[in-house]
PDB file of N, CA and C in Angstrom:
ATOM      1  N   MET A   1      55.851 117.087  83.019  1.00  0.00           N
ATOM      2  CA  MET A   1      55.655 117.805  81.832  1.00  0.00           C
ATOM      3  C   MET A   1      55.731 119.200  82.707  1.00  0.00           C
ATOM      4  N   ILE A   2      56.599 119.930  82.367  1.00  0.00           N
ATOM      5  CA  ILE A   2      56.469 121.295  83.326  1.00  0.00           C
ATOM      6  C   ILE A   2      55.652 122.094  82.754  1.00  0.00           C
ATOM      7  N   THR A   3      54.984 122.922  84.091  1.00  0.00           N
ATOM      8  CA  THR A   3      54.073 123.665  83.480  1.00  0.00           C
ATOM      9  C   THR A   3      54.070 125.209  82.829  1.00  0.00           C
ATOM     10  N   LYS A   4      53.235 126.111  82.745  1.00  0.00           N
ATOM     11  CA  LYS A   4      54.058 127.306  82.064  1.00  0.00           C
ATOM     12  C   LYS A   4      54.571 128.238  83.220  1.00  0.00           C
ATOM     13  N   ASN A   5      54.079 127.954  84.351  1.00  0.00           N
ATOM     14  CA  ASN A   5      54.566 128.824  85.196  1.00  0.00           C
ATOM     15  C   ASN A   5      56.045 128.085  85.932  1.00  0.00           C
ATOM     16  N   THR A   6      56.193 127.183  85.508  1.00  0.00           N
ATOM     17  CA  THR A   6      58.125 126.297  85.620  1.00  0.00           C
ATOM     18  C   THR A   6      58.058 126.009  86.936  1.00  0.00           C
ATOM     19  N   THR A   7      57.001 126.613  87.922  1.00  0.00           N
ATOM     20  CA  THR A   7      57.324 125.694  89.312  1.00  0.00           C
ATOM     21  C   THR A   7      56.169 124.488  89.932  1.00  0.00           C
ATOM     22  N   ALA A   8      55.663 124.240  88.787  1.00  0.00           N
ATOM     23  CA  ALA A   8      55.303 123.171  88.824  1.00  0.00           C
ATOM     24  C   ALA A   8      55.187 121.855  88.137  1.00  0.00           C
ATOM     25  N   CYS A   9      54.652 120.815  87.904  1.00  0.00           N
ATOM     26  CA  CYS A   9      54.357 119.953  87.543  1.00  0.00           C
ATOM     27  C   CYS A   9      53.311 119.265  87.038  1.00  0.00           C
ATOM     28  N   ALA A  10      52.715 118.935  85.908  1.00  0.00           N
ATOM     29  CA  ALA A  10      51.178 118.572  85.326  1.00  0.00           C
ATOM     30  C   ALA A  10      51.586 117.343  84.631  1.00  0.00           C
ATOM     31  N   PRO A  11      50.858 116.510  85.361  1.00  0.00           N
ATOM     32  CA  PRO A  11      50.584 114.810  85.456  1.00  0.00           C
ATOM     33  C   PRO A  11      50.451 114.670  83.771  1.00  0.00           C
ATOM     34  N   GLN A  12      50.849 113.675  82.910  1.00  0.00           N
ATOM     35  CA  GLN A  12      50.500 113.448  81.852  1.00  0.00           C
ATOM     36  C   GLN A  12      50.420 111.791  81.480  1.00  0.00           C
ATOM     37  N   ASN A  13      49.041 111.657  80.960  1.00  0.00           N
ATOM     38  CA  ASN A  13      48.974 109.925  81.021  1.00  0.00           C
ATOM     39  C   ASN A  13      47.615 109.571  80.061  1.00  0.00           C
ATOM     40  N   ALA A  14      47.592 108.648  79.587  1.00  0.00           N
ATOM     41  CA  ALA A  14      46.945 107.988  78.441  1.00  0.00           C
ATOM     42  C   ALA A  14      46.284 107.011  79.648  1.00  0.00           C
ATOM     43  N   ILE A  15      44.991 106.491  79.222  1.00  0.00           N
ATOM     44  CA  ILE A  15      43.888 105.814  80.205  1.00  0.00           C
ATOM     45  C   ILE A  15      43.644 104.522  78.918  1.00  0.00           C
ATOM     46  N   SER A  16      43.765 103.612  79.595  1.00  0.00           N
ATOM     47  CA  SER A  16      42.902 102.644  78.443  1.00  0.00           C
ATOM     48  C   SER A  16      41.802 102.044  79.635  1.00  0.00           C
ATOM     49  N   THR A  17      40.416 101.439  79.773  1.00  0.00           N
ATOM     50  CA  THR A  17      40.109 100.724  80.342  1.00  0.00           C
ATOM     51  C   THR A  17      40.434  98.950  79.667  1.00  0.00           C
ATOM     52  N   ARG A  18      40.112  97.605  80.735  1.00  0.00           N
ATOM     53  CA  ARG A  18      40.015  96.588  80.491  1.00  0.00           C
ATOM     54  C   ARG A  18      39.739  96.435  79.084  1.00  0.00           C
ATOM     55  N   SER A  19      40.320  95.796  77.781  1.00  0.00           N
ATOM     56  CA  SER A  19      39.908  95.474  76.765  1.00  0.00           C
ATOM     57  C   SER A  19      40.246  94.217  76.012  1.00  0.00           C
ATOM     58  N   TYR A  20      39.140  93.693  75.419  1.00  0.00           N
ATOM     59  CA  TYR A  20      39.543  92.530  74.945  1.00  0.00           C
ATOM     60  C   TYR A  20      40.140  92.778  73.726  1.00  0.00           C
ATOM     61  N   SER A  21      40.016  94.282  73.021  1.00  0.00           N
ATOM     62  CA  SER A  21      40.490  94.302  71.750  1.00  0.00           C
ATOM     63  C   SER A  21      42.178  94.406  72.133  1.00  0.00           C
ATOM     64  N   LEU A  22      41.927  95.678  72.828  1.00  0.00           N
ATOM     65  CA  LEU A  22      43.557  95.913  73.367  1.00  0.00           C
ATOM     66  C   LEU A  22      44.551  94.897  73.456  1.00  0.00           C
ATOM     67  N   ARG A  23      43.548  93.701  74.407  1.00  0.00           N
ATOM     68  CA  ARG A  23      44.359  92.437  74.856  1.00  0.00           C
ATOM     69  C   ARG A  23      44.763  92.056  73.448  1.00  0.00           C
ATOM     70  N   ASN A  24      44.088  91.628  72.424  1.00  0.00           N
ATOM     71  CA  ASN A  24      44.374  91.119  71.429  1.00  0.00           C
ATOM     72  C   ASN A  24      45.595  91.483  70.740  1.00  0.00           C
ATOM     73  N   LEU A  25      45.345  92.992  70.578  1.00  0.00           N
ATOM     74  CA  LEU A  25      46.103  93.218  69.732  1.00  0.00           C
ATOM     75  C   LEU A  25      47.744  93.421  70.350  1.00  0.00           C
ATOM     76  N   ILE A  26      47.915  93.618  71.372  1.00  0.00           N
ATOM     77  CA  ILE A  26      49.087  93.193  72.336  1.00  0.00           C
ATOM     78  C   ILE A  26      49.670  91.817  71.916  1.00  0.00           C
ATOM     79  N   ARG A  27      48.431  90.713  72.275  1.00  0.00           N
ATOM     80  CA  ARG A  27      49.202  89.221  72.154  1.00  0.00           C
ATOM     81  C   ARG A  27      49.560  89.054  70.328  1.00  0.00           C
ATOM     82  N   GLU A  28      48.981  89.743  69.608  1.00  0.00           N
ATOM     83  CA  GLU A  28      49.111  89.571  67.979  1.00  0.00           C
ATOM     84  C   GLU A  28      50.389  90.286  67.905  1.00  0.00           C
ATOM     85  N   GLY A  29      51.067  91.187  68.380  1.00  0.00           N
ATOM     86  CA  GLY A  29      51.775  92.159  68.222  1.00  0.00           C
ATOM     87  C   GLY A  29      51.332  93.386  67.063  1.00  0.00           C
ATOM     88  N   LYS A  30      50.179  93.610  67.381  1.00  0.00           N
ATOM     89  CA  LYS A  30      49.801  94.868  65.851  1.00  0.00           C
ATOM     90  C   LYS A  30      50.014  95.839  67.361  1.00  0.00           C
ATOM     91  N   THR A  31      50.731  96.472  68.110  1.00  0.00           N
ATOM     92  CA  THR A  31      50.973  97.304  69.095  1.00  0.00           C
ATOM     93  C   THR A  31      50.695  98.627  68.179  1.00  0.00           C
ATOM     94  N   TYR A  32      51.001  98.815  67.222  1.00  0.00           N
ATOM     95  CA  TYR A  32      50.793  99.952  66.326  1.00  0.00           C
ATOM     96  C   TYR A  32      49.457 100.924  66.019  1.00  0.00           C
ATOM     97  N   GLN A  33      48.512  99.607  66.485  1.00  0.00           N
ATOM     98  CA  GLN A  33      47.341 100.374  66.431  1.00  0.00           C
ATOM     99  C   GLN A  33      46.283 100.534  67.753  1.00  0.00           C
ATOM    100  N   ILE A  34      47.446 100.308  68.796  1.00  0.00           N
ATOM    101  CA  ILE A  34      46.839 100.682  70.101  1.00  0.00           C
ATOM    102  C   ILE A  34      46.150 102.126  70.103  1.00  0.00           C
ATOM    103  N   ASN A  35      46.714 103.202  69.624  1.00  0.00           N
ATOM    104  CA  ASN A  35      45.894 104.512  69.991  1.00  0.00           C
ATOM    105  C   ASN A  35      44.711 104.552  69.199  1.00  0.00           C
ATOM    106  N   SER A  36      44.488 103.980  67.813  1.00  0.00           N
ATOM    107  CA  SER A  36      43.578 104.444  67.377  1.00  0.00           C
ATOM    108  C   SER A  36      42.291 103.496  68.261  1.00  0.00           C
ATOM    109  N   VAL A  37      43.051 102.554  68.571  1.00  0.00           N
ATOM    110  CA  VAL A  37      41.716 101.378  70.179  1.00  0.00           C
ATOM    111  C   VAL A  37      41.374 102.893  70.914  1.00  0.00           C
ATOM    112  N   ILE A  38      42.778 103.500  71.515  1.00  0.00           N
ATOM    113  CA  ILE A  38      42.119 104.109  72.753  1.00  0.00           C
ATOM    114  C   ILE A  38      41.491 105.208  72.357  1.00  0.00           C
ATOM    115  N   GLU A  39      41.469 105.829  71.216  1.00  0.00           N
ATOM    116  CA  GLU A  39      40.876 106.878  70.585  1.00  0.00           C
ATOM    117  C   GLU A  39      39.639 107.008  70.255  1.00  0.00           C
ATOM    118  N   THR A  40      39.124 105.442  69.954  1.00  0.00           N
ATOM    119  CA  THR A  40      38.071 105.449  69.493  1.00  0.00           C
ATOM    120  C   THR A  40      37.023 104.837  70.417  1.00  0.00           C
ATOM    121  N   GLY A  41      38.025 104.531  71.713  1.00  0.00           N
ATOM    122  CA  GLY A  41      37.020 103.760  72.783  1.00  0.00           C
ATOM    123  C   GLY A  41      36.757 104.979  73.810  1.00  0.00           C
ATOM    124  N   GLN A  42      36.664 106.246  73.822  1.00  0.00           N
ATOM    125  CA  GLN A  42      36.673 107.445  74.420  1.00  0.00           C
ATOM    126  C   GLN A  42      35.136 107.211  75.320  1.00  0.00           C
ATOM    127  N   GLN A  43      33.926 106.468  74.936  1.00  0.00           N
ATOM    128  CA  GLN A  43      32.674 106.423  75.080  1.00  0.00           C
ATOM    129  C   GLN A  43      32.912 105.338  76.484  1.00  0.00           C
ATOM    130  N   TYR A  44      34.134 104.745  76.135  1.00  0.00           N
ATOM    131  CA  TYR A  44      34.692 103.617  77.633  1.00  0.00           C
ATOM    132  C   TYR A  44      35.246 104.073  78.552  1.00  0.00           C
ATOM    133  N   GLY A  45      35.653 105.561  78.503  1.00  0.00           N
ATOM    134  CA  GLY A  45      36.620 105.750  79.391  1.00  0.00           C
ATOM    135  C   GLY A  45      38.089 106.529  78.957  1.00  0.00           C
ATOM    136  N   MET A  46      38.449 105.104  78.102  1.00  0.00           N
ATOM    137  CA  MET A  46      39.775 105.409  77.444  1.00  0.00           C
ATOM    138  C   MET A  46      39.938 107.386  76.818  1.00  0.00           C
ATOM    139  N   GLN A  47      41.497 107.230  77.045  1.00  0.00           N
ATOM    140  CA  GLN A  47      41.750 108.969  76.985  1.00  0.00           C
ATOM    141  C   GLN A  47      43.374 108.421  76.087  1.00  0.00           C
ATOM    142  N   SER A  48      43.661 109.027  75.122  1.00  0.00           N
ATOM    143  CA  SER A  48      44.601 109.098  74.599  1.00  0.00           C
ATOM    144  C   SER A  48      46.161 110.225  75.073  1.00  0.00           C
ATOM    145  N   MET A  49      47.181 109.856  74.770  1.00  0.00           N
ATOM    146  CA  MET A  49      48.016 110.667  75.748  1.00  0.00           C
ATOM    147  C   MET A  49      47.631 112.268  75.235  1.00  0.00           C
ATOM    148  N   ASP A  50      47.073 112.286  73.394  1.00  0.00           N
ATOM    149  CA  ASP A  50      47.539 113.458  72.629  1.00  0.00           C
ATOM    150  C   ASP A  50      46.160 114.358  73.436  1.00  0.00           C
ATOM    151  N   ARG A  51      44.916 113.548  73.260  1.00  0.00           N
ATOM    152  CA  ARG A  51      43.946 114.142  74.019  1.00  0.00           C
ATOM    153  C   ARG A  51      44.491 114.968  75.279  1.00  0.00           C
ATOM    154  N   MET A  52      44.767 114.051  76.219  1.00  0.00           N
ATOM    155  CA  MET A  52      45.657 114.921  77.435  1.00  0.00           C
ATOM    156  C   MET A  52      46.543 115.732  77.259  1.00  0.00           C
ATOM    157  N   LEU A  53      47.045 115.847  76.437  1.00  0.00           N
ATOM    158  CA  LEU A  53      48.250 116.719  76.241  1.00  0.00           C
ATOM    159  C   LEU A  53      47.410 117.668  75.323  1.00  0.00           C
ATOM    160  N   ALA A  54      46.486 117.819  74.557  1.00  0.00           N
ATOM    161  CA  ALA A  54      45.494 119.016  74.278  1.00  0.00           C
ATOM    162  C   ALA A  54      44.488 119.289  74.961  1.00  0.00           C
ATOM    163  N   GLU A  55      44.065 118.916  75.783  1.00  0.00           N
ATOM    164  CA  GLU A  55      43.635 119.435  77.119  1.00  0.00           C
ATOM    165  C   GLU A  55      44.187 120.363  77.858  1.00  0.00           C
ATOM    166  N   LEU A  56      45.530 119.974  78.359  1.00  0.00           N
ATOM    167  CA  LEU A  56      46.467 120.511  78.987  1.00  0.00           C
ATOM    168  C   LEU A  56      46.859 121.946  78.767  1.00  0.00           C
ATOM    169  N   HIS A  57      47.118 121.762  77.359  1.00  0.00           N
ATOM    170  CA  HIS A  57      46.995 123.110  76.807  1.00  0.00           C
ATOM    171  C   HIS A  57      46.032 123.666  76.345  1.00  0.00           C
ATOM    172  N   ARG A  58      44.838 123.406  76.074  1.00  0.00           N
ATOM    173  CA  ARG A  58      43.368 124.234  75.866  1.00  0.00           C
ATOM    174  C   ARG A  58      43.838 125.048  77.334  1.00  0.00           C
ATOM    175  N   SER A  59      43.831 124.199  78.323  1.00  0.00           N
ATOM    176  CA  SER A  59      43.338 124.957  79.804  1.00  0.00           C
ATOM    177  C   SER A  59      44.407 125.448  80.106  1.00  0.00           C
ATOM    178  N   GLY A  60      45.566 125.731  79.425  1.00  0.00           N
ATOM    179  CA  GLY A  60      46.582 126.881  79.864  1.00  0.00           C
ATOM    180  C   GLY A  60      47.554 126.210  80.906  1.00  0.00           C
ATOM    181  N   THR A  61      47.736 125.052  80.984  1.00  0.00           N
ATOM    182  CA  THR A  61      48.739 124.582  81.969  1.00  0.00           C
ATOM    183  C   THR A  61      49.885 124.128  81.306  1.00  0.00           C
ATOM    184  N   VAL A  62      49.949 124.081  80.153  1.00  0.00           N
ATOM    185  CA  VAL A  62      51.423 123.887  79.206  1.00  0.00           C
ATOM    186  C   VAL A  62      51.345 124.445  77.968  1.00  0.00           C
ATOM    187  N   THR A  63      52.640 124.782  77.447  1.00  0.00           N
ATOM    188  CA  THR A  63      52.444 125.633  76.428  1.00  0.00           C
ATOM    189  C   THR A  63      52.497 124.320  75.287  1.00  0.00           C
ATOM    190  N   TYR A  64      51.714 125.099  74.181  1.00  0.00           N
ATOM    191  CA  TYR A  64      51.567 124.599  72.921  1.00  0.00           C
ATOM    192  C   TYR A  64      52.882 123.297  72.579  1.00  0.00           C
ATOM    193  N   GLU A  65      54.219 124.366  72.787  1.00  0.00           N
ATOM    194  CA  GLU A  65      55.288 123.516  71.768  1.00  0.00           C
ATOM    195  C   GLU A  65      55.692 122.468  73.138  1.00  0.00           C
ATOM    196  N   GLU A  66      55.641 122.410  74.133  1.00  0.00           N
ATOM    197  CA  GLU A  66      56.021 121.548  75.716  1.00  0.00           C
ATOM    198  C   GLU A  66      54.873 120.422  75.195  1.00  0.00           C
ATOM    199  N   ALA A  67      53.647 120.731  74.909  1.00  0.00           N
ATOM    200  CA  ALA A  67      52.896 119.250  74.861  1.00  0.00           C
ATOM    201  C   ALA A  67      53.278 119.044  73.496  1.00  0.00           C
ATOM    202  N   ALA A  68      53.487 119.653  72.474  1.00  0.00           N
ATOM    203  CA  ALA A  68      53.603 119.168  70.753  1.00  0.00           C
ATOM    204  C   ALA A  68      55.170 118.209  71.224  1.00  0.00           C
ATOM    205  N   THR A  69      55.927 118.356  71.997  1.00  0.00           N
ATOM    206  CA  THR A  69      56.833 117.312  72.480  1.00  0.00           C
ATOM    207  C   THR A  69      56.991 116.185  72.221  1.00  0.00           C
ATOM    208  N   GLN A  70      55.554 115.945  73.047  1.00  0.00           N
ATOM    209  CA  GLN A  70      55.063 114.743  73.593  1.00  0.00           C
ATOM    210  C   GLN A  70      54.282 113.980  72.732  1.00  0.00           C
ATOM    211  N   VAL A  71      53.984 114.718  71.750  1.00  0.00           N
ATOM    212  CA  VAL A  71      52.315 114.092  71.279  1.00  0.00           C
ATOM    213  C   VAL A  71      53.324 112.924  70.168  1.00  0.00           C
ATOM    214  N   ILE A  72      52.258 111.597  70.134  1.00  0.00           N
ATOM    215  CA  ILE A  72      52.437 110.519  69.156  1.00  0.00           C
ATOM    216  C   ILE A  72      51.881 110.697  67.820  1.00  0.00           C
ATOM    217  N   ASP A  73      50.881 111.333  67.786  1.00  0.00           N
ATOM    218  CA  ASP A  73      50.407 111.645  66.489  1.00  0.00           C
ATOM    219  C   ASP A  73      49.635 113.430  66.036  1.00  0.00           C
ATOM    220  N   ARG A  74      51.073 114.230  65.304  1.00  0.00           N
ATOM    221  CA  ARG A  74      51.398 115.500  65.231  1.00  0.00           C
ATOM    222  C   ARG A  74      49.769 116.086  64.801  1.00  0.00           C
ATOM    223  N   GLU A  75      49.328 115.566  63.474  1.00  0.00           N
ATOM    224  CA  GLU A  75      48.228 115.585  63.017  1.00  0.00           C
ATOM    225  C   GLU A  75      47.034 115.860  63.826  1.00  0.00           C
ATOM    226  N   ASN A  76      46.721 114.606  64.784  1.00  0.00           N
ATOM    227  CA  ASN A  76      45.868 114.506  65.790  1.00  0.00           C
ATOM    228  C   ASN A  76      45.594 115.499  66.620  1.00  0.00           C
ATOM    229  N   PHE A  77      46.950 115.747  67.167  1.00  0.00           N
ATOM    230  CA  PHE A  77      46.937 116.575  68.223  1.00  0.00           C
ATOM    231  C   PHE A  77      46.604 118.043  68.159  1.00  0.00           C
ATOM    232  N   GLN A  78      46.852 118.558  66.883  1.00  0.00           N
ATOM    233  CA  GLN A  78      46.703 119.646  66.194  1.00  0.00           C
ATOM    234  C   GLN A  78      45.260 119.591  65.838  1.00  0.00           C
ATOM    235  N   ARG A  79      44.220 118.776  65.678  1.00  0.00           N
ATOM    236  CA  ARG A  79      43.111 118.464  65.509  1.00  0.00           C
ATOM    237  C   ARG A  79      42.501 118.694  66.481  1.00  0.00           C
ATOM    238  N   LEU A  80      42.785 118.150  67.468  1.00  0.00           N
ATOM    239  CA  LEU A  80      42.192 118.509  69.266  1.00  0.00           C
ATOM    240  C   LEU A  80      42.514 119.730  70.114  1.00  0.00           C
ATOM    241  N   VAL A  81      43.870 119.809  69.706  1.00  0.00           N
ATOM    242  CA  VAL A  81      44.009 121.689  70.435  1.00  0.00           C
ATOM    243  C   VAL A  81      42.771 122.659  69.662  1.00  0.00           C
ATOM    244  N   LYS A  82      42.086 122.083  68.596  1.00  0.00           N
ATOM    245  CA  LYS A  82      41.619 123.151  67.799  1.00  0.00           C
ATOM    246  C   LYS A  82      39.915 122.796  67.961  1.00  0.00           C
ATOM    247  N   GLY A  83      39.747 121.806  69.005  1.00  0.00           N
ATOM    248  CA  GLY A  83      38.765 121.269  69.604  1.00  0.00           C
ATOM    249  C   GLY A  83      37.628 120.438  68.569  1.00  0.00           C
ATOM    250  N   HIS A  84      38.294 119.974  67.412  1.00  0.00           N
ATOM    251  CA  HIS A  84      37.497 118.888  67.023  1.00  0.00           C
ATOM    252  C   HIS A  84      37.832 117.637  66.800  1.00  0.00           C
TER     253      HIS A  84
END
């Protein structure tokens, strides 16, 4: 993702730890539930793409518009940007 100063790139990634529940969702074909599991697994070190993008925006690394083009759940992203 291009940063505000357009001379550098900012890494963006989702982080998930080894989780029985994630493996089960993938095995059962319920991949649409993965983001919810990652969001609720924050205490285990998991971090969703939306949360990472909101942090990049709040830190001033990327613009809101640039981050918003990459989000999975726009409402969740807006909530995270506001810090809730």
